PDB file of N, CA and C in Angstrom:
ATOM      1  N   UNK A   1      29.257  41.403 278.505  1.00  0.00           N
ATOM      2  CA  UNK A   1      29.374  40.299 279.449  1.00  0.00           C
ATOM      3  C   UNK A   1      30.728  39.607 279.377  1.00  0.00           C
ATOM      4  N   UNK A   2      31.497  39.818 278.308  1.00  0.00           N
ATOM      5  CA  UNK A   2      32.763  39.113 278.142  1.00  0.00           C
ATOM      6  C   UNK A   2      33.964  39.973 278.532  1.00  0.00           C
ATOM      7  N   UNK A   3      33.718  41.192 278.993  1.00  0.00           N
ATOM      8  CA  UNK A   3      34.823  42.082 279.347  1.00  0.00           C
ATOM      9  C   UNK A   3      35.306  41.802 280.757  1.00  0.00           C
ATOM     10  N   UNK A   4      36.637  41.907 280.954  1.00  0.00           N
ATOM     11  CA  UNK A   4      37.154  41.784 282.317  1.00  0.00           C
ATOM     12  C   UNK A   4      36.720  42.982 283.167  1.00  0.00           C
ATOM     13  N   UNK A   5      36.707  42.789 284.463  1.00  0.00           N
ATOM     14  CA  UNK A   5      36.285  43.841 285.399  1.00  0.00           C
ATOM     15  C   UNK A   5      37.123  45.111 285.231  1.00  0.00           C
ATOM     16  N   UNK A   6      38.420  44.971 284.923  1.00  0.00           N
ATOM     17  CA  UNK A   6      39.294  46.135 284.765  1.00  0.00           C
ATOM     18  C   UNK A   6      38.829  47.001 283.589  1.00  0.00           C
ATOM     19  N   UNK A   7      38.438  46.354 282.471  1.00  0.00           N
ATOM     20  CA  UNK A   7      37.979  47.102 281.300  1.00  0.00           C
ATOM     21  C   UNK A   7      36.662  47.816 281.576  1.00  0.00           C
ATOM     22  N   UNK A   8      35.773  47.157 282.309  1.00  0.00           N
ATOM     23  CA  UNK A   8      34.489  47.772 282.654  1.00  0.00           C
ATOM     24  C   UNK A   8      34.723  48.981 283.557  1.00  0.00           C
ATOM     25  N   UNK A   9      35.596  48.828 284.543  1.00  0.00           N
ATOM     26  CA  UNK A   9      35.907  49.944 285.446  1.00  0.00           C
ATOM     27  C   UNK A   9      36.533  51.094 284.667  1.00  0.00           C
ATOM     28  N   UNK A  10      37.430  50.796 283.731  1.00  0.00           N
ATOM     29  CA  UNK A  10      38.054  51.834 282.915  1.00  0.00           C
ATOM     30  C   UNK A  10      37.008  52.543 282.066  1.00  0.00           C
ATOM     31  N   UNK A  11      36.069  51.788 281.500  1.00  0.00           N
ATOM     32  CA  UNK A  11      34.997  52.387 280.705  1.00  0.00           C
ATOM     33  C   UNK A  11      34.162  53.353 281.518  1.00  0.00           C
ATOM     34  N   UNK A  12      33.810  52.967 282.753  1.00  0.00           N
ATOM     35  CA  UNK A  12      33.043  53.863 283.613  1.00  0.00           C
ATOM     36  C   UNK A  12      33.853  55.090 284.001  1.00  0.00           C
ATOM     37  N   UNK A  13      35.129  54.903 284.239  1.00  0.00           N
ATOM     38  CA  UNK A  13      35.982  56.046 284.578  1.00  0.00           C
ATOM     39  C   UNK A  13      36.036  57.019 283.407  1.00  0.00           C
ATOM     40  N   UNK A  14      36.178  56.494 282.195  1.00  0.00           N
ATOM     41  CA  UNK A  14      36.210  57.364 281.021  1.00  0.00           C
ATOM     42  C   UNK A  14      34.872  58.067 280.820  1.00  0.00           C
ATOM     43  N   UNK A  15      33.764  57.357 281.086  1.00  0.00           N
ATOM     44  CA  UNK A  15      32.443  57.968 280.984  1.00  0.00           C
ATOM     45  C   UNK A  15      32.324  59.131 281.965  1.00  0.00           C
ATOM     46  N   UNK A  16      32.795  58.930 283.187  1.00  0.00           N
ATOM     47  CA  UNK A  16      32.756  59.998 284.180  1.00  0.00           C
ATOM     48  C   UNK A  16      33.609  61.184 283.746  1.00  0.00           C
ATOM     49  N   UNK A  17      34.769  60.901 283.129  1.00  0.00           N
ATOM     50  CA  UNK A  17      35.635  61.975 282.659  1.00  0.00           C
ATOM     51  C   UNK A  17      34.971  62.749 281.522  1.00  0.00           C
ATOM     52  N   UNK A  18      34.295  62.050 280.637  1.00  0.00           N
ATOM     53  CA  UNK A  18      33.597  62.718 279.536  1.00  0.00           C
ATOM     54  C   UNK A  18      32.480  63.598 280.094  1.00  0.00           C
ATOM     55  N   UNK A  19      31.697  63.064 281.028  1.00  0.00           N
ATOM     56  CA  UNK A  19      30.620  63.854 281.627  1.00  0.00           C
ATOM     57  C   UNK A  19      31.178  65.075 282.366  1.00  0.00           C
ATOM     58  N   UNK A  20      32.283  64.883 283.080  1.00  0.00           N
ATOM     59  CA  UNK A  20      32.922  66.018 283.765  1.00  0.00           C
ATOM     60  C   UNK A  20      33.397  67.035 282.753  1.00  0.00           C
ATOM     61  N   UNK A  21      33.970  66.546 281.652  1.00  0.00           N
ATOM     62  CA  UNK A  21      34.435  67.445 280.600  1.00  0.00           C
ATOM     63  C   UNK A  21      33.305  68.279 280.021  1.00  0.00           C
ATOM     64  N   UNK A  22      32.164  67.648 279.769  1.00  0.00           N
ATOM     65  CA  UNK A  22      30.999  68.381 279.253  1.00  0.00           C
ATOM     66  C   UNK A  22      30.570  69.453 280.245  1.00  0.00           C
ATOM     67  N   UNK A  23      30.464  69.083 281.530  1.00  0.00           N
ATOM     68  CA  UNK A  23      30.052  70.060 282.542  1.00  0.00           C
ATOM     69  C   UNK A  23      31.041  71.220 282.614  1.00  0.00           C
ATOM     70  N   UNK A  24      32.328  70.888 282.674  1.00  0.00           N
ATOM     71  CA  UNK A  24      33.353  71.939 282.761  1.00  0.00           C
ATOM     72  C   UNK A  24      33.299  72.845 281.544  1.00  0.00           C
ATOM     73  N   UNK A  25      33.224  72.232 280.366  1.00  0.00           N
ATOM     74  CA  UNK A  25      33.248  72.998 279.137  1.00  0.00           C
ATOM     75  C   UNK A  25      32.033  73.910 279.046  1.00  0.00           C
ATOM     76  N   UNK A  26      30.851  73.377 279.330  1.00  0.00           N
ATOM     77  CA  UNK A  26      29.641  74.184 279.217  1.00  0.00           C
ATOM     78  C   UNK A  26      29.635  75.296 280.254  1.00  0.00           C
ATOM     79  N   UNK A  27      30.194  75.054 281.430  1.00  0.00           N
ATOM     80  CA  UNK A  27      30.273  76.095 282.444  1.00  0.00           C
ATOM     81  C   UNK A  27      31.287  77.153 282.030  1.00  0.00           C
ATOM     82  N   UNK A  28      32.450  76.721 281.561  1.00  0.00           N
ATOM     83  CA  UNK A  28      33.501  77.645 281.151  1.00  0.00           C
ATOM     84  C   UNK A  28      33.043  78.521 279.994  1.00  0.00           C
ATOM     85  N   UNK A  29      32.389  77.918 279.024  1.00  0.00           N
ATOM     86  CA  UNK A  29      31.930  78.657 277.857  1.00  0.00           C
ATOM     87  C   UNK A  29      30.582  79.331 278.099  1.00  0.00           C
ATOM     88  N   UNK A  30      30.020  79.147 279.288  1.00  0.00           N
ATOM     89  CA  UNK A  30      28.734  79.718 279.673  1.00  0.00           C
ATOM     90  C   UNK A  30      27.664  79.388 278.638  1.00  0.00           C
ATOM     91  N   UNK A  31      27.503  78.092 278.373  1.00  0.00           N
ATOM     92  CA  UNK A  31      26.562  77.634 277.357  1.00  0.00           C
ATOM     93  C   UNK A  31      25.200  77.260 277.925  1.00  0.00           C
ATOM     94  N   UNK A  32      24.973  77.463 279.219  1.00  0.00           N
ATOM     95  CA  UNK A  32      23.679  77.127 279.789  1.00  0.00           C
ATOM     96  C   UNK A  32      22.908  78.395 280.061  1.00  0.00           C
ATOM     97  N   UNK A  33      21.669  78.457 279.966  1.00  0.00           N
ATOM     98  CA  UNK A  33      20.806  77.530 279.235  1.00  0.00           C
ATOM     99  C   UNK A  33      20.875  77.796 277.739  1.00  0.00           C
ATOM    100  N   UNK A  34      20.505  76.811 276.967  1.00  0.00           N
ATOM    101  CA  UNK A  34      20.507  76.924 275.510  1.00  0.00           C
ATOM    102  C   UNK A  34      19.064  76.971 275.040  1.00  0.00           C
ATOM    103  N   UNK A  35      18.743  77.957 274.232  1.00  0.00           N
ATOM    104  CA  UNK A  35      17.372  78.125 273.764  1.00  0.00           C
ATOM    105  C   UNK A  35      17.276  78.029 272.246  1.00  0.00           C
ATOM    106  N   UNK A  36      18.038  77.142 271.637  1.00  0.00           N
ATOM    107  CA  UNK A  36      17.953  76.981 270.184  1.00  0.00           C
ATOM    108  C   UNK A  36      16.635  76.313 269.820  1.00  0.00           C
ATOM    109  N   UNK A  37      16.047  76.781 268.730  1.00  0.00           N
ATOM    110  CA  UNK A  37      14.804  76.177 268.257  1.00  0.00           C
ATOM    111  C   UNK A  37      14.949  75.603 266.853  1.00  0.00           C
ATOM    112  N   UNK A  38      15.868  76.142 266.082  1.00  0.00           N
ATOM    113  CA  UNK A  38      16.059  75.669 264.716  1.00  0.00           C
ATOM    114  C   UNK A  38      17.016  74.481 264.710  1.00  0.00           C
ATOM    115  N   UNK A  39      16.695  73.490 263.907  1.00  0.00           N
ATOM    116  CA  UNK A  39      17.491  72.264 263.876  1.00  0.00           C
ATOM    117  C   UNK A  39      18.951  72.534 263.523  1.00  0.00           C
ATOM    118  N   UNK A  40      19.190  73.408 262.546  1.00  0.00           N
ATOM    119  CA  UNK A  40      20.574  73.704 262.148  1.00  0.00           C
ATOM    120  C   UNK A  40      21.375  74.297 263.304  1.00  0.00           C
ATOM    121  N   UNK A  41      20.754  75.142 264.087  1.00  0.00           N
ATOM    122  CA  UNK A  41      21.454  75.756 265.228  1.00  0.00           C
ATOM    123  C   UNK A  41      21.714  74.741 266.332  1.00  0.00           C
ATOM    124  N   UNK A  42      20.771  73.855 266.540  1.00  0.00           N
ATOM    125  CA  UNK A  42      20.962  72.800 267.547  1.00  0.00           C
ATOM    126  C   UNK A  42      22.114  71.910 267.127  1.00  0.00           C
ATOM    127  N   UNK A  43      22.125  71.499 265.852  1.00  0.00           N
ATOM    128  CA  UNK A  43      23.216  70.656 265.345  1.00  0.00           C
ATOM    129  C   UNK A  43      24.561  71.368 265.469  1.00  0.00           C
ATOM    130  N   UNK A  44      24.599  72.656 265.101  1.00  0.00           N
ATOM    131  CA  UNK A  44      25.846  73.428 265.188  1.00  0.00           C
ATOM    132  C   UNK A  44      26.315  73.508 266.636  1.00  0.00           C
ATOM    133  N   UNK A  45      25.393  73.733 267.555  1.00  0.00           N
ATOM    134  CA  UNK A  45      25.736  73.810 268.977  1.00  0.00           C
ATOM    135  C   UNK A  45      26.334  72.494 269.463  1.00  0.00           C
ATOM    136  N   UNK A  46      25.698  71.391 269.122  1.00  0.00           N
ATOM    137  CA  UNK A  46      26.193  70.080 269.553  1.00  0.00           C
ATOM    138  C   UNK A  46      27.563  69.801 268.954  1.00  0.00           C
ATOM    139  N   UNK A  47      27.754  70.123 267.682  1.00  0.00           N
ATOM    140  CA  UNK A  47      29.053  69.886 267.031  1.00  0.00           C
ATOM    141  C   UNK A  47      30.140  70.733 267.688  1.00  0.00           C
ATOM    142  N   UNK A  48      29.842  72.003 267.964  1.00  0.00           N
ATOM    143  CA  UNK A  48      30.837  72.860 268.623  1.00  0.00           C
ATOM    144  C   UNK A  48      31.178  72.350 270.021  1.00  0.00           C
ATOM    145  N   UNK A  49      30.180  71.902 270.744  1.00  0.00           N
ATOM    146  CA  UNK A  49      30.428  71.331 272.075  1.00  0.00           C
ATOM    147  C   UNK A  49      31.287  70.080 271.961  1.00  0.00           C
ATOM    148  N   UNK A  50      30.966  69.251 270.993  1.00  0.00           N
ATOM    149  CA  UNK A  50      31.730  68.014 270.801  1.00  0.00           C
ATOM    150  C   UNK A  50      33.171  68.331 270.425  1.00  0.00           C
ATOM    151  N   UNK A  51      33.386  69.290 269.530  1.00  0.00           N
ATOM    152  CA  UNK A  51      34.753  69.666 269.144  1.00  0.00           C
ATOM    153  C   UNK A  51      35.531  70.230 270.330  1.00  0.00           C
ATOM    154  N   UNK A  52      34.867  71.064 271.130  1.00  0.00           N
ATOM    155  CA  UNK A  52      35.537  71.615 272.315  1.00  0.00           C
ATOM    156  C   UNK A  52      35.907  70.507 273.284  1.00  0.00           C
ATOM    157  N   UNK A  53      34.998  69.568 273.491  1.00  0.00           N
ATOM    158  CA  UNK A  53      35.289  68.447 274.383  1.00  0.00           C
ATOM    159  C   UNK A  53      36.441  67.606 273.835  1.00  0.00           C
ATOM    160  N   UNK A  54      36.446  67.390 272.531  1.00  0.00           N
ATOM    161  CA  UNK A  54      37.528  66.637 271.904  1.00  0.00           C
ATOM    162  C   UNK A  54      38.874  67.334 272.135  1.00  0.00           C
ATOM    163  N   UNK A  55      38.909  68.646 271.953  1.00  0.00           N
ATOM    164  CA  UNK A  55      40.154  69.391 272.187  1.00  0.00           C
ATOM    165  C   UNK A  55      40.585  69.302 273.648  1.00  0.00           C
ATOM    166  N   UNK A  56      39.622  69.378 274.547  1.00  0.00           N
ATOM    167  CA  UNK A  56      39.939  69.259 275.974  1.00  0.00           C
ATOM    168  C   UNK A  56      40.544  67.893 276.264  1.00  0.00           C
ATOM    169  N   UNK A  57      39.908  66.851 275.760  1.00  0.00           N
ATOM    170  CA  UNK A  57      40.388  65.484 276.024  1.00  0.00           C
ATOM    171  C   UNK A  57      41.766  65.264 275.394  1.00  0.00           C
ATOM    172  N   UNK A  58      42.005  65.803 274.196  1.00  0.00           N
ATOM    173  CA  UNK A  58      43.328  65.679 273.563  1.00  0.00           C
ATOM    174  C   UNK A  58      44.368  66.388 274.428  1.00  0.00           C
ATOM    175  N   UNK A  59      44.034  67.585 274.898  1.00  0.00           N
ATOM    176  CA  UNK A  59      44.968  68.329 275.749  1.00  0.00           C
ATOM    177  C   UNK A  59      45.248  67.562 277.037  1.00  0.00           C
ATOM    178  N   UNK A  60      44.199  66.983 277.642  1.00  0.00           N
ATOM    179  CA  UNK A  60      44.385  66.235 278.887  1.00  0.00           C
ATOM    180  C   UNK A  60      45.241  64.988 278.676  1.00  0.00           C
ATOM    181  N   UNK A  61      44.947  64.226 277.639  1.00  0.00           N
ATOM    182  CA  UNK A  61      45.696  62.980 277.434  1.00  0.00           C
ATOM    183  C   UNK A  61      47.122  63.259 276.980  1.00  0.00           C
ATOM    184  N   UNK A  62      47.325  64.311 276.203  1.00  0.00           N
ATOM    185  CA  UNK A  62      48.673  64.633 275.719  1.00  0.00           C
ATOM    186  C   UNK A  62      49.563  65.150 276.838  1.00  0.00           C
ATOM    187  N   UNK A  63      48.982  65.944 277.739  1.00  0.00           N
ATOM    188  CA  UNK A  63      49.776  66.532 278.824  1.00  0.00           C
ATOM    189  C   UNK A  63      49.736  65.712 280.105  1.00  0.00           C
ATOM    190  N   UNK A  64      48.845  64.727 280.171  1.00  0.00           N
ATOM    191  CA  UNK A  64      48.645  63.912 281.385  1.00  0.00           C
ATOM    192  C   UNK A  64      48.255  64.798 282.567  1.00  0.00           C
ATOM    193  N   UNK A  65      47.426  65.801 282.297  1.00  0.00           N
ATOM    194  CA  UNK A  65      46.956  66.709 283.334  1.00  0.00           C
ATOM    195  C   UNK A  65      45.468  66.960 283.126  1.00  0.00           C
ATOM    196  N   UNK A  66      44.793  67.502 284.123  1.00  0.00           N
ATOM    197  CA  UNK A  66      43.362  67.767 284.005  1.00  0.00           C
ATOM    198  C   UNK A  66      43.123  69.093 283.296  1.00  0.00           C
ATOM    199  N   UNK A  67      41.946  69.218 282.703  1.00  0.00           N
ATOM    200  CA  UNK A  67      41.601  70.466 282.020  1.00  0.00           C
ATOM    201  C   UNK A  67      41.568  71.625 283.011  1.00  0.00           C
ATOM    202  N   UNK A  68      41.065  71.387 284.213  1.00  0.00           N
ATOM    203  CA  UNK A  68      41.006  72.457 285.212  1.00  0.00           C
ATOM    204  C   UNK A  68      42.411  73.001 285.498  1.00  0.00           C
ATOM    205  N   UNK A  69      43.371  72.106 285.620  1.00  0.00           N
ATOM    206  CA  UNK A  69      44.758  72.523 285.890  1.00  0.00           C
ATOM    207  C   UNK A  69      45.358  73.247 284.684  1.00  0.00           C
ATOM    208  N   UNK A  70      45.145  72.700 283.497  1.00  0.00           N
ATOM    209  CA  UNK A  70      45.662  73.336 282.279  1.00  0.00           C
ATOM    210  C   UNK A  70      45.082  74.738 282.125  1.00  0.00           C
ATOM    211  N   UNK A  71      43.767  74.853 282.320  1.00  0.00           N
ATOM    212  CA  UNK A  71      43.094  76.144 282.187  1.00  0.00           C
ATOM    213  C   UNK A  71      43.626  77.134 283.216  1.00  0.00           C
ATOM    214  N   UNK A  72      43.835  76.654 284.442  1.00  0.00           N
ATOM    215  CA  UNK A  72      44.352  77.520 285.506  1.00  0.00           C
ATOM    216  C   UNK A  72      45.714  78.099 285.127  1.00  0.00           C
ATOM    217  N   UNK A  73      46.582  77.257 284.567  1.00  0.00           N
ATOM    218  CA  UNK A  73      47.909  77.732 284.171  1.00  0.00           C
ATOM    219  C   UNK A  73      47.842  78.650 282.953  1.00  0.00           C
ATOM    220  N   UNK A  74      47.047  78.275 281.966  1.00  0.00           N
ATOM    221  CA  UNK A  74      47.022  79.032 280.712  1.00  0.00           C
ATOM    222  C   UNK A  74      46.250  80.340 280.807  1.00  0.00           C
ATOM    223  N   UNK A  75      45.296  80.443 281.725  1.00  0.00           N
ATOM    224  CA  UNK A  75      44.519  81.674 281.796  1.00  0.00           C
ATOM    225  C   UNK A  75      45.326  82.841 282.365  1.00  0.00           C
ATOM    226  N   UNK A  76      46.521  82.556 282.850  1.00  0.00           N
ATOM    227  CA  UNK A  76      47.400  83.621 283.334  1.00  0.00           C
ATOM    228  C   UNK A  76      48.153  84.302 282.194  1.00  0.00           C
ATOM    229  N   UNK A  77      48.021  83.790 281.000  1.00  0.00           N
ATOM    230  CA  UNK A  77      48.658  84.383 279.819  1.00  0.00           C
ATOM    231  C   UNK A  77      47.770  85.518 279.315  1.00  0.00           C
ATOM    232  N   UNK A  78      48.324  86.721 279.254  1.00  0.00           N
ATOM    233  CA  UNK A  78      47.550  87.896 278.864  1.00  0.00           C
ATOM    234  C   UNK A  78      48.289  88.692 277.801  1.00  0.00           C
ATOM    235  N   UNK A  79      47.549  89.578 277.147  1.00  0.00           N
ATOM    236  CA  UNK A  79      48.122  90.513 276.179  1.00  0.00           C
ATOM    237  C   UNK A  79      47.770  91.910 276.639  1.00  0.00           C
ATOM    238  N   UNK A  80      48.780  92.769 276.674  1.00  0.00           N
ATOM    239  CA  UNK A  80      48.562  94.167 277.043  1.00  0.00           C
ATOM    240  C   UNK A  80      48.792  95.065 275.848  1.00  0.00           C
ATOM    241  N   UNK A  81      48.052  96.159 275.773  1.00  0.00           N
ATOM    242  CA  UNK A  81      48.232  97.160 274.718  1.00  0.00           C
ATOM    243  C   UNK A  81      48.872  98.385 275.351  1.00  0.00           C
ATOM    244  N   UNK A  82      49.951  98.838 274.749  1.00  0.00           N
ATOM    245  CA  UNK A  82      50.717  99.962 275.285  1.00  0.00           C
ATOM    246  C   UNK A  82      50.821 101.047 274.228  1.00  0.00           C
ATOM    247  N   UNK A  83      50.543 102.282 274.637  1.00  0.00           N
ATOM    248  CA  UNK A  83      50.601 103.420 273.721  1.00  0.00           C
ATOM    249  C   UNK A  83      51.585 104.451 274.254  1.00  0.00           C
ATOM    250  N   UNK A  84      52.299 105.076 273.344  1.00  0.00           N
ATOM    251  CA  UNK A  84      53.244 106.122 273.710  1.00  0.00           C
ATOM    252  C   UNK A  84      53.582 106.970 272.507  1.00  0.00           C
ATOM    253  N   UNK A  85      54.504 107.906 272.678  1.00  0.00           N
ATOM    254  CA  UNK A  85      54.858 108.801 271.565  1.00  0.00           C
ATOM    255  C   UNK A  85      55.455 108.049 270.372  1.00  0.00           C
ATOM    256  N   UNK A  86      56.055 106.895 270.619  1.00  0.00           N
ATOM    257  CA  UNK A  86      56.669 106.127 269.524  1.00  0.00           C
ATOM    258  C   UNK A  86      55.663 105.240 268.803  1.00  0.00           C
ATOM    259  N   UNK A  87      54.442 105.147 269.329  1.00  0.00           N
ATOM    260  CA  UNK A  87      53.428 104.320 268.692  1.00  0.00           C
ATOM    261  C   UNK A  87      52.724 103.414 269.681  1.00  0.00           C
ATOM    262  N   UNK A  88      52.082 102.407 269.133  1.00  0.00           N
ATOM    263  CA  UNK A  88      51.314 101.459 269.936  1.00  0.00           C
ATOM    264  C   UNK A  88      51.836 100.056 269.682  1.00  0.00           C
ATOM    265  N   UNK A  89      51.888  99.252 270.730  1.00  0.00           N
ATOM    266  CA  UNK A  89      52.250  97.844 270.536  1.00  0.00           C
ATOM    267  C   UNK A  89      51.474  96.980 271.512  1.00  0.00           C
ATOM    268  N   UNK A  90      51.317  95.730 271.104  1.00  0.00           N
ATOM    269  CA  UNK A  90      50.661  94.732 271.948  1.00  0.00           C
ATOM    270  C   UNK A  90      51.699  93.680 272.301  1.00  0.00           C
ATOM    271  N   UNK A  91      51.761  93.337 273.577  1.00  0.00           N
ATOM    272  CA  UNK A  91      52.774  92.405 274.069  1.00  0.00           C
ATOM    273  C   UNK A  91      52.142  91.420 275.036  1.00  0.00           C
ATOM    274  N   UNK A  92      52.564  90.165 274.945  1.00  0.00           N
ATOM    275  CA  UNK A  92      52.064  89.145 275.864  1.00  0.00           C
ATOM    276  C   UNK A  92      52.909  89.132 277.121  1.00  0.00           C
ATOM    277  N   UNK A  93      52.340  88.577 278.165  1.00  0.00           N
ATOM    278  CA  UNK A  93      53.080  88.414 279.413  1.00  0.00           C
ATOM    279  C   UNK A  93      54.133  87.324 279.227  1.00  0.00           C
ATOM    280  N   UNK A  94      55.091  87.304 280.133  1.00  0.00           N
ATOM    281  CA  UNK A  94      56.117  86.252 280.094  1.00  0.00           C
ATOM    282  C   UNK A  94      55.460  84.900 280.348  1.00  0.00           C
ATOM    283  N   UNK A  95      55.952  83.881 279.671  1.00  0.00           N
ATOM    284  CA  UNK A  95      55.432  82.533 279.882  1.00  0.00           C
ATOM    285  C   UNK A  95      56.021  81.949 281.156  1.00  0.00           C
ATOM    286  N   UNK A  96      55.173  81.335 281.953  1.00  0.00           N
ATOM    287  CA  UNK A  96      55.659  80.647 283.144  1.00  0.00           C
ATOM    288  C   UNK A  96      56.234  79.290 282.722  1.00  0.00           C
ATOM    289  N   UNK A  97      56.930  78.665 283.633  1.00  0.00           N
ATOM    290  CA  UNK A  97      57.475  77.329 283.341  1.00  0.00           C
ATOM    291  C   UNK A  97      56.347  76.347 283.028  1.00  0.00           C
ATOM    292  N   UNK A  98      55.249  76.437 283.775  1.00  0.00           N
ATOM    293  CA  UNK A  98      54.109  75.538 283.537  1.00  0.00           C
ATOM    294  C   UNK A  98      53.507  75.771 282.158  1.00  0.00           C
ATOM    295  N   UNK A  99      53.378  77.033 281.756  1.00  0.00           N
ATOM    296  CA  UNK A  99      52.831  77.349 280.430  1.00  0.00           C
ATOM    297  C   UNK A  99      53.745  76.823 279.320  1.00  0.00           C
ATOM    298  N   UNK A 100      55.046  77.010 279.495  1.00  0.00           N
ATOM    299  CA  UNK A 100      56.002  76.489 278.496  1.00  0.00           C
ATOM    300  C   UNK A 100      55.891  74.973 278.380  1.00  0.00           C
ATOM    301  N   UNK A 101      55.779  74.301 279.520  1.00  0.00           N
ATOM    302  CA  UNK A 101      55.662  72.841 279.525  1.00  0.00           C
ATOM    303  C   UNK A 101      54.400  72.393 278.796  1.00  0.00           C
ATOM    304  N   UNK A 102      53.285  73.045 279.075  1.00  0.00           N
ATOM    305  CA  UNK A 102      52.012  72.691 278.426  1.00  0.00           C
ATOM    306  C   UNK A 102      52.119  72.875 276.917  1.00  0.00           C
ATOM    307  N   UNK A 103      52.583  74.034 276.497  1.00  0.00           N
ATOM    308  CA  UNK A 103      52.704  74.304 275.051  1.00  0.00           C
ATOM    309  C   UNK A 103      53.657  73.313 274.393  1.00  0.00           C
ATOM    310  N   UNK A 104      54.754  73.003 275.077  1.00  0.00           N
ATOM    311  CA  UNK A 104      55.729  72.036 274.568  1.00  0.00           C
ATOM    312  C   UNK A 104      55.095  70.667 274.361  1.00  0.00           C
ATOM    313  N   UNK A 105      54.382  70.177 275.387  1.00  0.00           N
ATOM    314  CA  UNK A 105      53.751  68.864 275.301  1.00  0.00           C
ATOM    315  C   UNK A 105      52.708  68.806 274.194  1.00  0.00           C
ATOM    316  N   UNK A 106      52.018  69.936 273.967  1.00  0.00           N
ATOM    317  CA  UNK A 106      50.997  69.976 272.927  1.00  0.00           C
ATOM    318  C   UNK A 106      51.566  70.260 271.541  1.00  0.00           C
ATOM    319  N   UNK A 107      52.868  70.531 271.468  1.00  0.00           N
ATOM    320  CA  UNK A 107      53.493  70.803 270.177  1.00  0.00           C
ATOM    321  C   UNK A 107      53.079  72.153 269.599  1.00  0.00           C
ATOM    322  N   UNK A 108      52.790  73.108 270.484  1.00  0.00           N
ATOM    323  CA  UNK A 108      52.363  74.443 270.061  1.00  0.00           C
ATOM    324  C   UNK A 108      53.506  75.421 270.291  1.00  0.00           C
ATOM    325  N   UNK A 109      53.855  76.179 269.252  1.00  0.00           N
ATOM    326  CA  UNK A 109      54.879  77.204 269.404  1.00  0.00           C
ATOM    327  C   UNK A 109      54.368  78.299 270.329  1.00  0.00           C
ATOM    328  N   UNK A 110      55.220  78.812 271.211  1.00  0.00           N
ATOM    329  CA  UNK A 110      54.781  79.913 272.086  1.00  0.00           C
ATOM    330  C   UNK A 110      54.382  81.117 271.234  1.00  0.00           C
ATOM    331  N   UNK A 111      53.388  81.875 271.678  1.00  0.00           N
ATOM    332  CA  UNK A 111      53.013  83.077 270.927  1.00  0.00           C
ATOM    333  C   UNK A 111      54.151  84.088 270.952  1.00  0.00           C
ATOM    334  N   UNK A 112      54.200  84.922 269.925  1.00  0.00           N
ATOM    335  CA  UNK A 112      55.242  85.944 269.861  1.00  0.00           C
ATOM    336  C   UNK A 112      55.140  86.866 271.061  1.00  0.00           C
ATOM    337  N   UNK A 113      56.279  87.366 271.496  1.00  0.00           N
ATOM    338  CA  UNK A 113      56.313  88.295 272.634  1.00  0.00           C
ATOM    339  C   UNK A 113      55.637  89.621 272.242  1.00  0.00           C
ATOM    340  N   UNK A 114      56.046  90.169 271.099  1.00  0.00           N
ATOM    341  CA  UNK A 114      55.433  91.391 270.573  1.00  0.00           C
ATOM    342  C   UNK A 114      54.478  90.958 269.469  1.00  0.00           C
ATOM    343  N   UNK A 115      53.208  91.242 269.658  1.00  0.00           N
ATOM    344  CA  UNK A 115      52.199  90.750 268.740  1.00  0.00           C
ATOM    345  C   UNK A 115      51.926  91.741 267.621  1.00  0.00           C
ATOM    346  N   UNK A 116      51.948  93.030 267.951  1.00  0.00           N
ATOM    347  CA  UNK A 116      51.563  94.028 266.961  1.00  0.00           C
ATOM    348  C   UNK A 116      52.314  95.315 267.255  1.00  0.00           C
ATOM    349  N   UNK A 117      52.824  95.936 266.210  1.00  0.00           N
ATOM    350  CA  UNK A 117      53.474  97.242 266.323  1.00  0.00           C
ATOM    351  C   UNK A 117      52.788  98.208 265.370  1.00  0.00           C
ATOM    352  N   UNK A 118      52.515  99.406 265.827  1.00  0.00           N
ATOM    353  CA  UNK A 118      51.907 100.422 264.965  1.00  0.00           C
ATOM    354  C   UNK A 118      52.556 101.763 265.249  1.00  0.00           C
ATOM    355  N   UNK A 119      52.901 102.496 264.201  1.00  0.00           N
ATOM    356  CA  UNK A 119      53.476 103.829 264.426  1.00  0.00           C
ATOM    357  C   UNK A 119      52.424 104.754 265.024  1.00  0.00           C
ATOM    358  N   UNK A 120      52.875 105.893 265.574  1.00  0.00           N
ATOM    359  CA  UNK A 120      51.899 106.814 266.152  1.00  0.00           C
ATOM    360  C   UNK A 120      50.926 107.326 265.094  1.00  0.00           C
ATOM    361  N   UNK A 121      49.727 107.605 265.517  1.00  0.00           N
ATOM    362  CA  UNK A 121      48.717 108.151 264.580  1.00  0.00           C
ATOM    363  C   UNK A 121      49.142 109.554 264.163  1.00  0.00           C
ATOM    364  N   UNK A 122      48.997 109.838 262.914  1.00  0.00           N
ATOM    365  CA  UNK A 122      49.351 111.176 262.404  1.00  0.00           C
ATOM    366  C   UNK A 122      48.161 112.118 262.573  1.00  0.00           C
ATOM    367  N   UNK A 123      48.425 113.292 263.140  1.00  0.00           N
ATOM    368  CA  UNK A 123      47.323 114.242 263.341  1.00  0.00           C
ATOM    369  C   UNK A 123      46.820 114.861 262.068  1.00  0.00           C
TER     370      UNK A 123
END
């Protein structure tokens, strides 16, 4: 009762963002429906959901962007496996400007360009 209208409105906005985050996260991770029956599994599920939501909210507040937008940009990052007479290697795609910006804002080093090198298999 003692809060200014601006604080109450901000609280409701944050509540809506949290609820949206839960919906987005559970849809993205395909966590519906959940059929846990054991208490330990239910607790583990809730904790994992909470941690994922926390990471989403940290990413959103740090980058000042929505999770949907961040996910859209980051899901374009892929790793390909290439095989030839010289061996096998795994390489990531080039980072876009948006991906570099996101990683920079989050303080995350870009992944290595060449992830794995293996000589050819010996017959």
